[in-house]
Amino acid sequence: MIARRYILLPLALCAGLGQWAMAAPDPADPCADARRAIGEQITEARLKGDKARRSALEEQLQALAKQCRGVTPVQPNHLAIERATRLADEREAQLREALGSGDPARIELSKRRLDHARRQLEAAKR
């Protein structure tokens, strides 16, 4: 009788663990889809050589990671700084395109826009 107890107890535990392991998985992490989508966009930007887009996407990924962990930004104007950073990155990409085209008017306009975006970024950081 005692031997049966010792045999039945491990069998019961194994059966319980097997059912637990085969149970339906928890709902997917709500951030997982967003992480995957941003990761795919980063890969595309890397393949195209678009450094400005890639850096903007990497910042989005970092912000998403903070949001998913529940970390709140220290600065109250964190979103303004992020927007200004993205704008400066876009303006840098536009300047590179203008430099590639060789059009002096377009280059000058892109330089002015980039300077303005950088001033906005510095103002947001203060």
Protein backbone atom coordinates (compact mmCIF):
# COMPACT_ATOMS: atom_id res chain seq x y z
CA MET A 1 0.00 0.00 0.00
CA ILE A 2 2.79 2.43 0.88
CA ALA A 3 4.63 1.60 -2.33
CA ARG A 4 1.53 2.48 -4.33
CA ARG A 5 1.36 5.93 -2.72
CA TYR A 6 4.94 6.63 -3.65
CA ILE A 7 4.27 5.59 -7.23
CA LEU A 8 0.94 7.41 -7.58
CA LEU A 9 2.19 10.70 -6.20
CA PRO A 10 4.86 11.28 -8.91
CA LEU A 11 2.42 10.10 -11.59
CA ALA A 12 -0.19 12.58 -10.41
CA LEU A 13 2.38 15.38 -10.35
CA CYS A 14 3.53 14.57 -13.87
CA ALA A 15 -0.04 14.52 -15.14
CA GLY A 16 -0.74 17.88 -13.52
CA LEU A 17 2.41 19.44 -14.93
CA GLY A 18 1.61 18.05 -18.37
CA GLN A 19 -1.81 19.66 -18.34
CA TRP A 20 -0.33 22.95 -17.15
CA ALA A 21 2.27 22.93 -19.94
CA MET A 22 -0.33 22.15 -22.58
CA ALA A 23 -2.75 24.83 -21.39
CA ALA A 24 -3.57 27.65 -23.77
CA PRO A 25 -0.85 30.29 -23.80
CA ASP A 26 -1.51 33.67 -22.27
CA PRO A 27 -2.63 36.43 -24.62
CA ALA A 28 0.25 37.85 -26.62
CA ASP A 29 2.23 40.74 -25.25
CA PRO A 30 0.50 43.87 -26.57
CA CYS A 31 3.90 45.38 -27.31
CA ALA A 32 5.20 42.36 -29.21
CA ASP A 33 3.39 43.22 -32.46
CA ALA A 34 4.60 46.83 -32.32
CA ARG A 35 8.17 45.70 -31.60
CA ARG A 36 8.06 43.28 -34.52
CA ALA A 37 6.68 45.90 -36.90
CA ILE A 38 9.30 48.48 -35.90
CA GLY A 39 12.01 45.83 -36.15
CA GLU A 40 10.96 45.02 -39.71
CA GLN A 41 10.99 48.71 -40.61
CA ILE A 42 14.48 49.08 -39.12
CA THR A 43 15.65 46.16 -41.24
CA GLU A 44 14.17 47.74 -44.38
CA ALA A 45 15.78 51.09 -43.59
CA ARG A 46 19.14 49.39 -42.98
CA LEU A 47 18.92 47.56 -46.32
CA LYS A 48 18.09 50.81 -48.12
CA GLY A 49 20.90 52.66 -46.34
CA ASP A 50 18.51 55.24 -44.84
CA LYS A 51 20.37 56.09 -41.64
CA ALA A 52 18.04 58.91 -40.61
CA ARG A 53 14.96 56.70 -40.86
CA ARG A 54 16.75 53.88 -39.07
CA SER A 55 17.82 56.09 -36.17
CA ALA A 56 14.30 57.50 -35.88
CA LEU A 57 12.88 53.98 -35.80
CA GLU A 58 15.44 52.89 -33.22
CA GLU A 59 14.36 55.81 -31.03
CA GLN A 60 10.75 54.72 -31.47
CA LEU A 61 11.73 51.21 -30.44
CA GLN A 62 13.47 52.53 -27.32
CA ALA A 63 10.44 54.66 -26.47
CA LEU A 64 8.19 51.64 -26.96
CA ALA A 65 10.42 49.56 -24.70
CA LYS A 66 10.18 52.22 -21.99
CA GLN A 67 6.43 52.44 -22.41
CA CYS A 68 5.98 48.68 -22.26
CA ARG A 69 8.04 48.45 -19.10
CA GLY A 70 5.97 51.22 -17.58
CA VAL A 71 8.86 53.67 -17.33
CA THR A 72 7.70 57.24 -17.56
CA PRO A 73 9.90 59.93 -19.05
CA VAL A 74 11.79 62.10 -16.61
CA GLN A 75 11.30 65.29 -18.58
CA PRO A 76 7.77 66.64 -18.88
CA ASN A 77 8.45 67.69 -22.50
CA HIS A 78 9.81 64.31 -23.54
CA LEU A 79 7.42 64.03 -26.49
CA ALA A 80 8.41 67.47 -27.79
CA ILE A 81 12.07 66.44 -27.66
CA GLU A 82 11.30 63.22 -29.55
CA ARG A 83 9.37 65.11 -32.24
CA ALA A 84 12.17 67.65 -32.61
CA THR A 85 14.75 64.87 -32.83
CA ARG A 86 12.78 63.08 -35.54
CA LEU A 87 12.39 66.33 -37.48
CA ALA A 88 16.13 67.04 -37.27
CA ASP A 89 16.86 63.50 -38.50
CA GLU A 90 14.47 63.97 -41.42
CA ARG A 91 16.05 67.31 -42.29
CA GLU A 92 19.50 65.71 -42.28
CA ALA A 93 18.28 63.07 -44.72
CA GLN A 94 16.79 65.78 -46.93
CA LEU A 95 20.08 67.66 -46.90
CA ARG A 96 21.94 64.51 -47.97
CA GLU A 97 19.49 64.08 -50.84
CA ALA A 98 19.96 67.74 -51.84
CA LEU A 99 23.73 67.34 -51.75
CA GLY A 100 23.37 64.32 -54.00
CA SER A 101 21.28 66.28 -56.49
CA GLY A 102 23.84 69.09 -56.69
CA ASP A 103 21.16 71.81 -56.90
CA PRO A 104 22.57 74.84 -54.99
CA ALA A 105 19.14 76.32 -54.23
CA ARG A 106 17.86 73.01 -52.87
CA ILE A 107 21.04 72.55 -50.82
CA GLU A 108 20.72 76.01 -49.29
CA LEU A 109 17.05 75.47 -48.45
CA SER A 110 17.84 72.11 -46.85
CA LYS A 111 20.63 73.67 -44.79
CA ARG A 112 18.30 76.38 -43.49
CA ARG A 113 15.61 73.83 -42.62
CA LEU A 114 18.15 71.66 -40.82
CA ASP A 115 19.47 74.64 -38.84
CA HIS A 116 15.93 75.56 -37.86
CA ALA A 117 15.16 71.97 -36.80
CA ARG A 118 18.33 71.85 -34.70
CA ARG A 119 17.44 75.15 -33.00
CA GLN A 120 13.99 73.73 -32.19
CA LEU A 121 15.62 70.63 -30.75
CA GLU A 122 17.95 72.68 -28.55
CA ALA A 123 15.02 74.81 -27.37
CA ALA A 124 13.01 71.69 -26.51
CA LYS A 125 15.90 70.27 -24.50
CA ARG A 126 16.08 73.38 -22.29
